[in-house]
C-alpha atoms as a PDB file:
ATOM      1  CA  MET A   1      45.908  -2.287  33.863  1.00  0.00           C
ATOM      2  CA  THR A   2      45.594  -1.819  30.887  1.00  0.00           C
ATOM      3  CA  ARG A   3      49.164  -2.238  28.645  1.00  0.00           C
ATOM      4  CA  ARG A   4      50.117   0.179  25.737  1.00  0.00           C
ATOM      5  CA  ALA A   5      50.575  -1.357  22.123  1.00  0.00           C
ATOM      6  CA  SER A   6      54.664  -0.552  21.761  1.00  0.00           C
ATOM      7  CA  PRO A   7      55.703   2.789  19.366  1.00  0.00           C
ATOM      8  CA  ARG A   8      57.006  -0.367  16.652  1.00  0.00           C
ATOM      9  CA  LYS A   9      53.461  -2.246  16.731  1.00  0.00           C
ATOM     10  CA  ASP A  10      51.584   1.098  16.136  1.00  0.00           C
ATOM     11  CA  ASN A  11      53.899   1.844  13.187  1.00  0.00           C
ATOM     12  CA  LEU A  12      53.060  -1.349  11.940  1.00  0.00           C
ATOM     13  CA  ARG A  13      49.251  -1.102  12.368  1.00  0.00           C
ATOM     14  CA  ARG A  14      49.621   2.772  10.841  1.00  0.00           C
ATOM     15  CA  ALA A  15      51.719   0.644   7.717  1.00  0.00           C
ATOM     16  CA  LEU A  16      48.701  -2.022   7.763  1.00  0.00           C
ATOM     17  CA  ALA A  17      45.915   0.550   7.779  1.00  0.00           C
ATOM     18  CA  GLN A  18      47.506   2.272   4.996  1.00  0.00           C
ATOM     19  CA  GLU A  19      48.422  -0.740   2.600  1.00  0.00           C
ATOM     20  CA  ALA A  20      44.279  -1.860   3.390  1.00  0.00           C
ATOM     21  CA  ALA A  21      43.105   1.538   2.610  1.00  0.00           C
ATOM     22  CA  ARG A  22      45.162   1.491  -0.949  1.00  0.00           C
ATOM     23  CA  ILE A  23      43.917  -2.015  -2.035  1.00  0.00           C
ATOM     24  CA  MET A  24      40.471  -1.005  -1.295  1.00  0.00           C
ATOM     25  CA  ALA A  25      41.262   2.225  -2.905  1.00  0.00           C
ATOM     26  CA  GLN A  26      42.759   0.596  -6.303  1.00  0.00           C
ATOM     27  CA  HIS A  27      41.604  -2.930  -6.398  1.00  0.00           C
ATOM     28  CA  GLY A  28      37.598  -2.182  -5.660  1.00  0.00           C
ATOM     29  CA  ILE A  29      37.842  -4.220  -2.437  1.00  0.00           C
ATOM     30  CA  HIS A  30      35.414  -3.299  -0.050  1.00  0.00           C
ATOM     31  CA  ASP A  31      35.419  -5.780   2.900  1.00  0.00           C
ATOM     32  CA  PHE A  32      37.919  -5.073   5.711  1.00  0.00           C
ATOM     33  CA  LEU A  33      39.103  -8.227   6.063  1.00  0.00           C
ATOM     34  CA  THR A  34      39.837  -9.276   2.982  1.00  0.00           C
ATOM     35  CA  ALA A  35      41.724  -5.757   2.934  1.00  0.00           C
ATOM     36  CA  LYS A  36      43.811  -6.476   6.177  1.00  0.00           C
ATOM     37  CA  ARG A  37      44.593  -9.820   5.220  1.00  0.00           C
ATOM     38  CA  LYS A  38      46.411  -8.821   1.769  1.00  0.00           C
ATOM     39  CA  ALA A  39      47.689  -5.784   3.217  1.00  0.00           C
ATOM     40  CA  ALA A  40      49.042  -8.518   6.042  1.00  0.00           C
ATOM     41  CA  GLU A  41      50.356 -10.758   3.528  1.00  0.00           C
ATOM     42  CA  ARG A  42      52.223  -8.032   1.059  1.00  0.00           C
ATOM     43  CA  LEU A  43      53.844  -6.412   4.113  1.00  0.00           C
ATOM     44  CA  GLY A  44      55.017 -10.082   5.597  1.00  0.00           C
ATOM     45  CA  VAL A  45      52.618 -10.131   9.153  1.00  0.00           C
ATOM     46  CA  ALA A  46      51.698 -12.430  10.368  1.00  0.00           C
ATOM     47  CA  ASP A  47      50.806 -11.714  13.770  1.00  0.00           C
ATOM     48  CA  ALA A  48      47.149 -11.207  14.146  1.00  0.00           C
ATOM     49  CA  SER A  49      47.671  -8.762  16.856  1.00  0.00           C
ATOM     50  CA  ALA A  50      48.854  -6.067  14.713  1.00  0.00           C
ATOM     51  CA  LEU A  51      45.986  -6.202  11.943  1.00  0.00           C
ATOM     52  CA  PRO A  52      44.597  -2.411  12.134  1.00  0.00           C
ATOM     53  CA  ARG A  53      40.915  -1.916  13.139  1.00  0.00           C
ATOM     54  CA  ASN A  54      38.056  -1.337  10.596  1.00  0.00           C
ATOM     55  CA  THR A  55      38.142   2.580  11.736  1.00  0.00           C
ATOM     56  CA  GLU A  56      41.638   2.715  11.453  1.00  0.00           C
ATOM     57  CA  ILE A  57      41.349   1.310   8.001  1.00  0.00           C
ATOM     58  CA  GLU A  58      38.784   4.246   7.039  1.00  0.00           C
ATOM     59  CA  ASP A  59      40.269   7.182   8.502  1.00  0.00           C
ATOM     60  CA  ALA A  60      43.500   5.465   6.216  1.00  0.00           C
ATOM     61  CA  LEU A  61      41.170   5.100   3.283  1.00  0.00           C
ATOM     62  CA  ALA A  62      39.865   8.925   3.734  1.00  0.00           C
ATOM     63  CA  GLU A  63      43.264  10.024   3.697  1.00  0.00           C
ATOM     64  CA  TYR A  64      43.921   8.068   1.067  1.00  0.00           C
ATOM     65  CA  GLN A  65      41.297   9.809  -0.878  1.00  0.00           C
ATOM     66  CA  ARG A  66      42.443  13.267   0.439  1.00  0.00           C
ATOM     67  CA  LEU A  67      46.229  12.803  -0.829  1.00  0.00           C
ATOM     68  CA  PHE A  68      45.861  11.343  -4.277  1.00  0.00           C
ATOM     69  CA  ASP A  69      42.780  11.956  -6.097  1.00  0.00           C
ATOM     70  CA  ALA A  70      40.871  14.516  -3.834  1.00  0.00           C
ATOM     71  CA  SER A  71      39.459  16.077  -7.274  1.00  0.00           C
ATOM     72  CA  GLY A  72      38.713  12.602  -8.508  1.00  0.00           C
ATOM     73  CA  HIS A  73      36.950  11.638  -5.369  1.00  0.00           C
ATOM     74  CA  GLU A  74      34.819  14.625  -4.849  1.00  0.00           C
ATOM     75  CA  GLN A  75      32.929  14.245  -8.434  1.00  0.00           C
ATOM     76  CA  THR A  76      32.983  10.665  -8.389  1.00  0.00           C
ATOM     77  CA  LEU A  77      31.036  10.754  -4.562  1.00  0.00           C
ATOM     78  CA  GLU A  78      28.957  13.398  -6.006  1.00  0.00           C
ATOM     79  CA  ALA A  79      27.761  11.498  -9.232  1.00  0.00           C
ATOM     80  CA  GLN A  80      26.912   8.417  -7.038  1.00  0.00           C
ATOM     81  CA  ARG A  81      25.282  10.562  -4.075  1.00  0.00           C
ATOM     82  CA  ARG A  82      23.223  11.985  -7.373  1.00  0.00           C
ATOM     83  CA  ALA A  83      22.551   8.624  -8.527  1.00  0.00           C
ATOM     84  CA  ALA A  84      21.180   7.649  -4.617  1.00  0.00           C
ATOM     85  CA  LEU A  85      18.399  10.578  -4.522  1.00  0.00           C
ATOM     86  CA  HIS A  86      17.695   9.883  -8.177  1.00  0.00           C
ATOM     87  CA  ALA A  87      16.773   6.051  -6.984  1.00  0.00           C
ATOM     88  CA  MET A  88      15.083   7.149  -3.415  1.00  0.00           C
ATOM     89  CA  HIS A  89      12.867   9.304  -5.151  1.00  0.00           C
ATOM     90  CA  TRP A  90      11.926   6.563  -7.246  1.00  0.00           C
ATOM     91  CA  LEU A  91      11.221   4.717  -4.379  1.00  0.00           C
ATOM     92  CA  SER A  92      10.051   6.995  -1.549  1.00  0.00           C
ATOM     93  CA  GLN A  93       7.170   4.907  -1.526  1.00  0.00           C
ATOM     94  CA  PHE A  94       9.718   2.914   0.866  1.00  0.00           C
ATOM     95  CA  GLU A  95      11.067   5.339   2.698  1.00  0.00           C
ATOM     96  CA  PRO A  96      14.723   5.306   1.396  1.00  0.00           C
ATOM     97  CA  ARG A  97      18.009   5.510   3.257  1.00  0.00           C
ATOM     98  CA  LEU A  98      21.640   5.322   1.705  1.00  0.00           C
ATOM     99  CA  VAL A  99      23.915   3.854   4.265  1.00  0.00           C
ATOM    100  CA  GLY A 100      27.701   2.816   3.843  1.00  0.00           C
ATOM    101  CA  PRO A 101      30.317   4.422   2.258  1.00  0.00           C
ATOM    102  CA  VAL A 102      28.797   6.556  -0.115  1.00  0.00           C
ATOM    103  CA  LEU A 103      27.206   8.245   2.383  1.00  0.00           C
ATOM    104  CA  SER A 104      30.365   8.173   5.124  1.00  0.00           C
ATOM    105  CA  GLY A 105      32.420   9.373   2.260  1.00  0.00           C
ATOM    106  CA  THR A 106      35.087   6.779   1.721  1.00  0.00           C
ATOM    107  CA  ALA A 107      33.564   5.406  -0.853  1.00  0.00           C
ATOM    108  CA  THR A 108      36.060   3.779  -4.136  1.00  0.00           C
ATOM    109  CA  GLU A 109      34.473   4.325  -7.767  1.00  0.00           C
ATOM    110  CA  HIS A 110      34.200   0.853  -7.590  1.00  0.00           C
ATOM    111  CA  ALA A 111      31.467   1.319  -4.578  1.00  0.00           C
ATOM    112  CA  ASP A 112      27.734   0.115  -4.949  1.00  0.00           C
ATOM    113  CA  ILE A 113      25.587   2.493  -3.817  1.00  0.00           C
ATOM    114  CA  GLN A 114      23.774   1.091  -0.331  1.00  0.00           C
ATOM    115  CA  LEU A 115      20.160   1.913   0.296  1.00  0.00           C
ATOM    116  CA  HIS A 116      18.167   0.935   3.052  1.00  0.00           C
ATOM    117  CA  LEU A 117      14.232   0.208   1.686  1.00  0.00           C
ATOM    118  CA  PHE A 118      10.957  -0.636   4.201  1.00  0.00           C
ATOM    119  CA  ALA A 119       8.398  -2.872   3.026  1.00  0.00           C
ATOM    120  CA  ASP A 120       5.648  -5.282   3.961  1.00  0.00           C
ATOM    121  CA  ARG A 121       7.356  -7.767   1.002  1.00  0.00           C
ATOM    122  CA  LEU A 122       9.889  -7.397  -1.547  1.00  0.00           C
ATOM    123  CA  GLU A 123       7.615  -7.700  -4.568  1.00  0.00           C
ATOM    124  CA  TYR A 124       6.260  -4.407  -3.865  1.00  0.00           C
ATOM    125  CA  VAL A 125       9.860  -2.882  -4.654  1.00  0.00           C
ATOM    126  CA  ALA A 126      10.239  -5.198  -7.694  1.00  0.00           C
ATOM    127  CA  LEU A 127       6.973  -4.340  -9.403  1.00  0.00           C
ATOM    128  CA  LYS A 128       7.868  -0.364  -8.904  1.00  0.00           C
ATOM    129  CA  LEU A 129      10.910  -0.824 -10.484  1.00  0.00           C
ATOM    130  CA  MET A 130       9.777  -2.516 -13.235  1.00  0.00           C
ATOM    131  CA  ASP A 131       6.844  -0.217 -13.327  1.00  0.00           C
ATOM    132  CA  ARG A 132       9.662   2.355 -14.526  1.00  0.00           C
ATOM    133  CA  GLY A 133      11.255   0.256 -16.814  1.00  0.00           C
ATOM    134  CA  ILE A 134      14.910  -1.016 -14.468  1.00  0.00           C
ATOM    135  CA  ALA A 135      15.978  -3.993 -14.704  1.00  0.00           C
ATOM    136  CA  HIS A 136      17.130  -5.198 -11.529  1.00  0.00           C
ATOM    137  CA  GLU A 137      18.013  -8.733  -9.724  1.00  0.00           C
ATOM    138  CA  VAL A 138      17.070 -10.386  -6.336  1.00  0.00           C
ATOM    139  CA  THR A 139      19.174 -10.938  -3.639  1.00  0.00           C
ATOM    140  CA  GLU A 140      19.972 -11.687  -0.349  1.00  0.00           C
ATOM    141  CA  ARG A 141      21.750  -9.529   2.015  1.00  0.00           C
ATOM    142  CA  ARG A 142      23.200 -11.056   5.695  1.00  0.00           C
ATOM    143  CA  VAL A 143      22.584  -8.240   8.364  1.00  0.00           C
ATOM    144  CA  ARG A 144      24.331  -7.368  11.605  1.00  0.00           C
ATOM    145  CA  LEU A 145      21.590  -6.712  13.976  1.00  0.00           C
ATOM    146  CA  ASP A 146      23.252  -6.594  17.126  1.00  0.00           C
ATOM    147  CA  ALA A 147      25.648  -8.013  18.531  1.00  0.00           C
ATOM    148  CA  GLU A 148      24.389 -11.975  19.176  1.00  0.00           C
ATOM    149  CA  ARG A 149      21.993 -11.870  15.981  1.00  0.00           C
ATOM    150  CA  THR A 150      22.641 -12.224  12.267  1.00  0.00           C
ATOM    151  CA  LYS A 151      19.623 -12.075  10.329  1.00  0.00           C
ATOM    152  CA  ALA A 152      19.287 -12.447   6.533  1.00  0.00           C
ATOM    153  CA  PHE A 153      17.191 -10.362   4.457  1.00  0.00           C
ATOM    154  CA  PRO A 154      16.120  -9.705   0.785  1.00  0.00           C
ATOM    155  CA  GLY A 155      16.823  -7.127  -1.461  1.00  0.00           C
ATOM    156  CA  VAL A 156      16.898  -5.832  -5.347  1.00  0.00           C
ATOM    157  CA  ARG A 157      20.631  -4.931  -7.467  1.00  0.00           C
ATOM    158  CA  PHE A 158      19.621  -2.726 -10.132  1.00  0.00           C
ATOM    159  CA  ALA A 159      21.661   0.692 -11.759  1.00  0.00           C
ATOM    160  CA  VAL A 160      21.148   4.045 -11.863  1.00  0.00           C
ATOM    161  CA  ASP A 161      23.141   6.256 -13.997  1.00  0.00           C
ATOM    162  CA  ASN A 162      25.404   4.241 -14.294  1.00  0.00           C
ATOM    163  CA  ARG A 163      26.142   3.352 -10.848  1.00  0.00           C
ATOM    164  CA  ARG A 164      25.309   0.494  -8.949  1.00  0.00           C
ATOM    165  CA  ILE A 165      22.447   0.050  -6.587  1.00  0.00           C
ATOM    166  CA  ASP A 166      22.059  -2.260  -3.958  1.00  0.00           C
ATOM    167  CA  ALA A 167      19.096  -2.224  -2.047  1.00  0.00           C
ATOM    168  CA  THR A 168      18.154  -3.994   1.193  1.00  0.00           C
ATOM    169  CA  VAL A 169      14.741  -4.701   2.408  1.00  0.00           C
ATOM    170  CA  PHE A 170      13.545  -4.780   5.866  1.00  0.00           C
ATOM    171  CA  PRO A 171       9.841  -4.560   7.355  1.00  0.00           C
ATOM    172  CA  PRO A 172       8.035  -1.374   7.705  1.00  0.00           C
ATOM    173  CA  ASP A 173       9.948  -1.311  11.337  1.00  0.00           C
ATOM    174  CA  GLY A 174      12.693  -2.173  10.401  1.00  0.00           C
ATOM    175  CA  ILE A 175      13.336   1.524  10.208  1.00  0.00           C
ATOM    176  CA  ARG A 176      12.964   2.053  14.200  1.00  0.00           C
ATOM    177  CA  GLN A 177      16.597   0.026  14.054  1.00  0.00           C
ATOM    178  CA  ALA A 178      19.473   0.776  12.253  1.00  0.00           C
ATOM    179  CA  PRO A 179      21.666  -2.571  11.673  1.00  0.00           C
ATOM    180  CA  VAL A 180      25.554  -3.107  13.143  1.00  0.00           C
ATOM    181  CA  SER A 181      27.720  -1.451  11.164  1.00  0.00           C
ATOM    182  CA  PRO A 182      31.064  -2.625  10.024  1.00  0.00           C
ATOM    183  CA  VAL A 183      32.818  -0.602  10.399  1.00  0.00           C
ATOM    184  CA  ASP A 184      32.677   0.321  13.668  1.00  0.00           C
ATOM    185  CA  GLY A 185      30.473  -1.825  15.485  1.00  0.00           C
ATOM    186  CA  ARG A 186      27.688   0.975  15.885  1.00  0.00           C
ATOM    187  CA  PRO A 187      24.283   1.327  14.670  1.00  0.00           C
ATOM    188  CA  MET A 188      24.390   2.195  11.014  1.00  0.00           C
ATOM    189  CA  ARG A 189      23.950   6.465   9.944  1.00  0.00           C
ATOM    190  CA  ARG A 190      21.089   6.517   7.829  1.00  0.00           C
ATOM    191  CA  ALA A 191      20.551   9.452   5.600  1.00  0.00           C
ATOM    192  CA  ASP A 192      17.062  10.160   3.659  1.00  0.00           C
ATOM    193  CA  ALA A 193      16.514  11.894   0.804  1.00  0.00           C
ATOM    194  CA  ALA A 194      16.764  15.161   2.365  1.00  0.00           C
ATOM    195  CA  GLU A 195      19.910  14.876   4.279  1.00  0.00           C
ATOM    196  CA  ILE A 196      21.692  13.768   0.789  1.00  0.00           C
ATOM    197  CA  GLN A 197      19.967  16.655  -1.084  1.00  0.00           C
ATOM    198  CA  CYS A 198      22.210  19.116   1.681  1.00  0.00           C
ATOM    199  CA  LEU A 199      24.980  16.945   1.560  1.00  0.00           C
ATOM    200  CA  LEU A 200      25.289  17.877  -2.092  1.00  0.00           C
ATOM    201  CA  ARG A 201      24.165  21.384  -2.404  1.00  0.00           C
ATOM    202  CA  SER A 202      27.442  21.847   0.910  1.00  0.00           C
ATOM    203  CA  ALA A 203      29.796  19.765  -1.660  1.00  0.00           C
ATOM    204  CA  THR A 204      28.935  22.320  -4.393  1.00  0.00           C
ATOM    205  CA  GLY A 205      28.212  25.182  -2.447  1.00  0.00           C
ATOM    206  CA  THR A 206      24.903  25.946  -3.611  1.00  0.00           C
END
């Protein structure tokens, strides 16, 4: 029989989620674990079992953005999605997909735009950026493929419309199965350029 958490612990988890969300929104922290640890430290909570789940923090972050910066958040998110769409059009041969908080709608103004690209070699992506005169740096990102496997993939970081793009390059067959989301542990949601265009039209009512 599963024991329900006490109302006091529920309230504490909610307070920690709200504080973690505030920290992420105001201080540009993207990592949920870092945010929840800072929230626990600020509220003087030592009980690890009281820490909120990532999904609770994401919900609190969305609520924070609605309450305290609705118009500013909408403008920032639109600019981030337009920058993502520009990058996706430039890199269309690599079947780009938008992932992460810019897609989910909880991105802060400090968040990077996260793309997944699919190519046999990282160099093909780098050459495409060079052809367009776009300065970039080569990166590496560890990605959780499932509950048991984590693997490092190459990537590139560059800027579009003064917005940072962090693109991870998967092999071509990587498009068939999305890696695990750090938020809820489920396959990560991916969106192509057509879906981003629809999101932008819905936001502007055009």
